[in-house]
Amino acid sequence: MLIGFDFAMAANLPFAGVADHLGISLSASKHVELSEALEKEISSIELYPDAVRAIVELQNSESW
């Protein structure tokens, strides 16, 4: 059973679902704050320059 951080990272839930599972009450303003921070973090993620090529090569390999 996943708890705490492990659950939050593995769950396919919105903030409200994770908070509810963990017994945390989020105010509307905190929900907005967390959503904006997450969006900013996600939008800053960049692939390594060779990531797409590496993924294609892995998918085309016989061991895949």
Protein backbone atom coordinates (compact mmCIF):
# COMPACT_ATOMS: atom_id res chain seq x y z
CA MET A 1 0.00 0.00 0.00
CA LEU A 2 1.34 3.40 -0.99
CA ILE A 3 1.22 6.16 1.58
CA GLY A 4 2.19 9.81 1.72
CA PHE A 5 4.73 10.92 -0.85
CA ASP A 6 4.76 7.57 -2.66
CA PHE A 7 0.99 7.68 -3.11
CA ALA A 8 0.99 11.32 -4.24
CA MET A 9 3.64 10.61 -6.88
CA ALA A 10 2.03 7.38 -8.15
CA ALA A 11 -1.67 8.23 -8.03
CA ASN A 12 -3.45 9.36 -11.17
CA LEU A 13 -5.57 11.84 -9.23
CA PRO A 14 -6.03 15.61 -9.12
CA PHE A 15 -4.87 17.50 -6.03
CA ALA A 16 -8.29 17.20 -4.44
CA GLY A 17 -8.25 13.41 -4.81
CA VAL A 18 -4.77 13.05 -3.34
CA ALA A 19 -5.61 15.44 -0.50
CA ASP A 20 -8.83 13.56 0.24
CA HIS A 21 -7.00 10.21 0.27
CA LEU A 22 -4.42 11.64 2.68
CA GLY A 23 -7.05 13.29 4.87
CA ILE A 24 -5.93 16.82 3.99
CA SER A 25 -8.40 19.65 3.50
CA LEU A 26 -7.41 22.07 0.72
CA SER A 27 -8.87 25.55 0.59
CA ALA A 28 -9.82 26.88 -2.83
CA SER A 29 -6.90 29.32 -2.73
CA LYS A 30 -4.41 26.57 -1.81
CA HIS A 31 -5.78 24.39 -4.61
CA VAL A 32 -5.23 27.24 -7.10
CA GLU A 33 -1.75 27.90 -5.70
CA LEU A 34 -0.72 24.25 -6.01
CA SER A 35 -2.23 23.89 -9.48
CA GLU A 36 -0.37 26.96 -10.72
CA ALA A 37 2.90 25.78 -9.19
CA LEU A 38 2.49 22.34 -10.78
CA GLU A 39 1.69 23.84 -14.18
CA LYS A 40 4.80 26.04 -13.95
CA GLU A 41 6.94 23.03 -13.01
CA ILE A 42 5.53 20.83 -15.77
CA SER A 43 5.96 23.53 -18.41
CA SER A 44 9.63 23.88 -17.48
CA ILE A 45 10.42 20.21 -18.20
CA GLU A 46 12.61 19.72 -21.27
CA LEU A 47 13.62 16.50 -22.98
CA TYR A 48 17.26 15.65 -23.24
CA PRO A 49 18.37 16.40 -26.82
CA ASP A 50 18.70 12.70 -27.70
CA ALA A 51 15.62 11.47 -25.81
CA VAL A 52 13.32 10.93 -28.80
CA ARG A 53 16.02 9.07 -30.74
CA ALA A 54 16.80 6.91 -27.70
CA ILE A 55 13.12 6.06 -27.18
CA VAL A 56 12.70 5.10 -30.84
CA GLU A 57 15.82 2.93 -30.71
CA LEU A 58 14.56 1.19 -27.56
CA GLN A 59 11.16 0.58 -29.11
CA ASN A 60 12.78 -0.86 -32.24
CA SER A 61 15.18 -3.13 -30.36
CA GLU A 62 14.50 -6.86 -30.22
CA SER A 63 14.59 -6.91 -26.43
CA TRP A 64 11.74 -4.41 -26.19
